[in-house]
Amino acid sequence: MIIGVGADLTDIRRIKASLDRFGDRFRNRCFTELERTRSDRKPDAAWSYAKRFAAKEACAKALGTGMRRDVYWRDMGVVNLGSGQPTLALTGHAAEHLARLVPADHQPHIHLTLSDEHPYALAFVVIEALPMA
């Protein structure tokens, strides 16, 4: 069963401007350590950060909270499965909110797709509740 759907389109130039202006303050406020490590290895880190930023916005929409109600940027982190497929790992209040949305006999599964075409980064999130086996 589908619990929530969210999409976000982020302007890569806006993220680049924030990185240039605020540097580590912006990185540390909005991104997990894993996301920072992965993005900073890229030739143009702003593209990677923009996709992750869009993923967090899309996830907050899929949770039905937006970026409020104690859901914080670092409570949502883009991670990759062994196959390389991206998904989101939720912690803190985001994880608590997700747990309230999923029926007791189900487990959450977060689908994430990311794309970019300069000057935009796109993320689409579907949160699904799967019956426990």
C-alpha atoms as a PDB file:
ATOM      1  CA  MET A   1       0.000   0.000   0.000  1.00  0.00           C
ATOM      2  CA  ILE A   2       1.214   3.500  -0.840  1.00  0.00           C
ATOM      3  CA  ILE A   3       1.715   5.669   2.256  1.00  0.00           C
ATOM      4  CA  GLY A   4       2.943   8.835   0.561  1.00  0.00           C
ATOM      5  CA  VAL A   5       4.319  10.383  -2.609  1.00  0.00           C
ATOM      6  CA  GLY A   6       6.543  13.430  -2.975  1.00  0.00           C
ATOM      7  CA  ALA A   7       8.471  15.183  -5.725  1.00  0.00           C
ATOM      8  CA  ASP A   8      10.846  18.123  -5.773  1.00  0.00           C
ATOM      9  CA  LEU A   9      12.692  20.115  -8.396  1.00  0.00           C
ATOM     10  CA  THR A  10      15.733  22.007  -7.112  1.00  0.00           C
ATOM     11  CA  ASP A  11      17.783  24.604  -8.965  1.00  0.00           C
ATOM     12  CA  ILE A  12      21.418  23.441  -8.922  1.00  0.00           C
ATOM     13  CA  ARG A  13      22.568  27.079  -9.178  1.00  0.00           C
ATOM     14  CA  ARG A  14      20.763  27.885  -5.923  1.00  0.00           C
ATOM     15  CA  ILE A  15      22.515  25.026  -4.122  1.00  0.00           C
ATOM     16  CA  LYS A  16      25.869  26.108  -5.593  1.00  0.00           C
ATOM     17  CA  ALA A  17      25.255  29.641  -4.314  1.00  0.00           C
ATOM     18  CA  SER A  18      24.468  28.297  -0.823  1.00  0.00           C
ATOM     19  CA  LEU A  19      27.607  26.144  -0.855  1.00  0.00           C
ATOM     20  CA  ASP A  20      29.704  29.127  -1.952  1.00  0.00           C
ATOM     21  CA  ARG A  21      28.149  31.509   0.555  1.00  0.00           C
ATOM     22  CA  PHE A  22      27.752  29.292   3.633  1.00  0.00           C
ATOM     23  CA  GLY A  23      30.178  26.412   2.977  1.00  0.00           C
ATOM     24  CA  ASP A  24      30.412  23.900   5.822  1.00  0.00           C
ATOM     25  CA  ARG A  25      27.615  25.603   7.746  1.00  0.00           C
ATOM     26  CA  PHE A  26      25.174  24.699   4.948  1.00  0.00           C
ATOM     27  CA  ARG A  27      26.699  21.239   4.392  1.00  0.00           C
ATOM     28  CA  ASN A  28      26.618  20.320   8.080  1.00  0.00           C
ATOM     29  CA  ARG A  29      23.103  21.656   8.640  1.00  0.00           C
ATOM     30  CA  CYS A  30      21.440  19.891   5.728  1.00  0.00           C
ATOM     31  CA  PHE A  31      23.431  16.762   4.905  1.00  0.00           C
ATOM     32  CA  THR A  32      24.561  13.617   6.679  1.00  0.00           C
ATOM     33  CA  GLU A  33      28.244  12.745   6.933  1.00  0.00           C
ATOM     34  CA  LEU A  34      27.807  10.032   4.298  1.00  0.00           C
ATOM     35  CA  GLU A  35      26.139  12.478   1.897  1.00  0.00           C
ATOM     36  CA  ARG A  36      28.900  15.045   2.411  1.00  0.00           C
ATOM     37  CA  THR A  37      31.621  12.463   1.818  1.00  0.00           C
ATOM     38  CA  ARG A  38      29.964  11.157  -1.339  1.00  0.00           C
ATOM     39  CA  SER A  39      29.127  14.598  -2.749  1.00  0.00           C
ATOM     40  CA  ASP A  40      32.515  16.163  -2.013  1.00  0.00           C
ATOM     41  CA  ARG A  41      34.222  13.424  -4.088  1.00  0.00           C
ATOM     42  CA  LYS A  42      32.317  14.509  -7.214  1.00  0.00           C
ATOM     43  CA  PRO A  43      33.918  16.847  -9.785  1.00  0.00           C
ATOM     44  CA  ASP A  44      30.972  19.255  -9.377  1.00  0.00           C
ATOM     45  CA  ALA A  45      29.686  18.684  -5.849  1.00  0.00           C
ATOM     46  CA  ALA A  46      26.774  21.116  -6.277  1.00  0.00           C
ATOM     47  CA  TRP A  47      25.007  18.686  -8.643  1.00  0.00           C
ATOM     48  CA  SER A  48      25.225  15.874  -6.087  1.00  0.00           C
ATOM     49  CA  TYR A  49      24.158  18.102  -3.206  1.00  0.00           C
ATOM     50  CA  ALA A  50      21.220  19.434  -5.252  1.00  0.00           C
ATOM     51  CA  LYS A  51      19.891  15.925  -5.926  1.00  0.00           C
ATOM     52  CA  ARG A  52      20.158  15.062  -2.236  1.00  0.00           C
ATOM     53  CA  PHE A  53      18.472  18.326  -1.256  1.00  0.00           C
ATOM     54  CA  ALA A  54      15.614  17.554  -3.663  1.00  0.00           C
ATOM     55  CA  ALA A  55      15.349  14.016  -2.216  1.00  0.00           C
ATOM     56  CA  LYS A  56      14.917  15.406   1.311  1.00  0.00           C
ATOM     57  CA  GLU A  57      12.236  17.857   0.177  1.00  0.00           C
ATOM     58  CA  ALA A  58      10.416  15.081  -1.720  1.00  0.00           C
ATOM     59  CA  CYS A  59      10.647  12.760   1.293  1.00  0.00           C
ATOM     60  CA  ALA A  60       9.248  15.408   3.641  1.00  0.00           C
ATOM     61  CA  LYS A  61       6.323  15.828   1.249  1.00  0.00           C
ATOM     62  CA  ALA A  62       5.779  12.057   1.084  1.00  0.00           C
ATOM     63  CA  LEU A  63       5.767  11.954   4.904  1.00  0.00           C
ATOM     64  CA  GLY A  64       3.115  14.684   4.847  1.00  0.00           C
ATOM     65  CA  THR A  65       5.149  16.928   7.133  1.00  0.00           C
ATOM     66  CA  GLY A  66       7.118  19.190   4.865  1.00  0.00           C
ATOM     67  CA  MET A  67      10.217  20.592   6.552  1.00  0.00           C
ATOM     68  CA  ARG A  68       8.450  21.216   9.845  1.00  0.00           C
ATOM     69  CA  ARG A  69       6.900  19.298  12.732  1.00  0.00           C
ATOM     70  CA  ASP A  70      10.341  18.344  14.025  1.00  0.00           C
ATOM     71  CA  VAL A  71      11.467  16.750  10.744  1.00  0.00           C
ATOM     72  CA  TYR A  72      14.996  17.998  10.099  1.00  0.00           C
ATOM     73  CA  TRP A  73      17.285  17.882   7.073  1.00  0.00           C
ATOM     74  CA  ARG A  74      19.738  15.419   8.599  1.00  0.00           C
ATOM     75  CA  ASP A  75      16.889  13.091   9.671  1.00  0.00           C
ATOM     76  CA  MET A  76      16.754  12.021   6.013  1.00  0.00           C
ATOM     77  CA  GLY A  77      19.830  10.793   4.194  1.00  0.00           C
ATOM     78  CA  VAL A  78      20.307   9.447   0.687  1.00  0.00           C
ATOM     79  CA  VAL A  79      22.035   6.061   0.770  1.00  0.00           C
ATOM     80  CA  ASN A  80      22.688   3.524  -1.944  1.00  0.00           C
ATOM     81  CA  LEU A  81      21.753  -0.138  -1.862  1.00  0.00           C
ATOM     82  CA  GLY A  82      24.356  -2.722  -2.888  1.00  0.00           C
ATOM     83  CA  SER A  83      22.999  -2.487  -6.440  1.00  0.00           C
ATOM     84  CA  GLY A  84      23.716   1.260  -6.474  1.00  0.00           C
ATOM     85  CA  GLN A  85      20.008   2.112  -6.362  1.00  0.00           C
ATOM     86  CA  PRO A  86      19.363   5.173  -4.182  1.00  0.00           C
ATOM     87  CA  THR A  87      16.964   5.146  -1.260  1.00  0.00           C
ATOM     88  CA  LEU A  88      16.542   7.153   1.934  1.00  0.00           C
ATOM     89  CA  ALA A  89      17.538   6.243   5.467  1.00  0.00           C
ATOM     90  CA  LEU A  90      15.405   8.019   8.065  1.00  0.00           C
ATOM     91  CA  THR A  91      16.446   8.759  11.632  1.00  0.00           C
ATOM     92  CA  GLY A  92      15.161  10.901  14.472  1.00  0.00           C
ATOM     93  CA  HIS A  93      11.752  12.497  14.115  1.00  0.00           C
ATOM     94  CA  ALA A  94      11.447  11.548  10.431  1.00  0.00           C
ATOM     95  CA  ALA A  95      11.797   7.862  11.356  1.00  0.00           C
ATOM     96  CA  GLU A  96       9.290   8.283  14.196  1.00  0.00           C
ATOM     97  CA  HIS A  97       6.792   9.942  11.875  1.00  0.00           C
ATOM     98  CA  LEU A  98       7.236   7.176   9.287  1.00  0.00           C
ATOM     99  CA  ALA A  99       6.639   4.537  11.965  1.00  0.00           C
ATOM    100  CA  ARG A 100       3.315   6.202  12.857  1.00  0.00           C
ATOM    101  CA  LEU A 101       2.218   6.091   9.195  1.00  0.00           C
ATOM    102  CA  VAL A 102       2.932   2.395   8.623  1.00  0.00           C
ATOM    103  CA  PRO A 103       0.402  -0.189   9.897  1.00  0.00           C
ATOM    104  CA  ALA A 104       1.710  -2.466  12.671  1.00  0.00           C
ATOM    105  CA  ASP A 105       1.851  -5.575  10.482  1.00  0.00           C
ATOM    106  CA  HIS A 106       3.749  -3.800   7.669  1.00  0.00           C
ATOM    107  CA  GLN A 107       7.251  -2.518   7.075  1.00  0.00           C
ATOM    108  CA  PRO A 108       8.154   0.677   5.235  1.00  0.00           C
ATOM    109  CA  HIS A 109       9.970   0.715   1.921  1.00  0.00           C
ATOM    110  CA  ILE A 110      11.130   4.003   0.412  1.00  0.00           C
ATOM    111  CA  HIS A 111      11.504   4.231  -3.356  1.00  0.00           C
ATOM    112  CA  LEU A 112      13.676   7.102  -4.615  1.00  0.00           C
ATOM    113  CA  THR A 113      14.678   8.202  -8.058  1.00  0.00           C
ATOM    114  CA  LEU A 114      17.049  11.074  -8.784  1.00  0.00           C
ATOM    115  CA  SER A 115      17.778  12.892 -12.012  1.00  0.00           C
ATOM    116  CA  ASP A 116      19.442  16.078 -13.183  1.00  0.00           C
ATOM    117  CA  GLU A 117      19.481  18.222 -16.270  1.00  0.00           C
ATOM    118  CA  HIS A 118      21.272  21.478 -15.669  1.00  0.00           C
ATOM    119  CA  PRO A 119      20.146  23.703 -14.112  1.00  0.00           C
ATOM    120  CA  TYR A 120      17.735  21.396 -12.255  1.00  0.00           C
ATOM    121  CA  ALA A 121      17.880  18.351 -10.009  1.00  0.00           C
ATOM    122  CA  LEU A 122      14.788  16.192  -9.576  1.00  0.00           C
ATOM    123  CA  ALA A 123      13.790  13.703  -6.890  1.00  0.00           C
ATOM    124  CA  PHE A 124      10.694  11.547  -6.682  1.00  0.00           C
ATOM    125  CA  VAL A 125       9.821   9.545  -3.545  1.00  0.00           C
ATOM    126  CA  VAL A 126       7.201   6.871  -2.970  1.00  0.00           C
ATOM    127  CA  ILE A 127       6.770   5.474   0.529  1.00  0.00           C
ATOM    128  CA  GLU A 128       5.211   2.029   0.528  1.00  0.00           C
ATOM    129  CA  ALA A 129       4.053  -0.211   3.369  1.00  0.00           C
ATOM    130  CA  LEU A 130       4.788  -3.880   2.667  1.00  0.00           C
ATOM    131  CA  PRO A 131       3.196  -6.732   4.627  1.00  0.00           C
ATOM    132  CA  MET A 132       5.664  -8.539   6.866  1.00  0.00           C
ATOM    133  CA  ALA A 133       6.388 -12.075   5.767  1.00  0.00           C
END
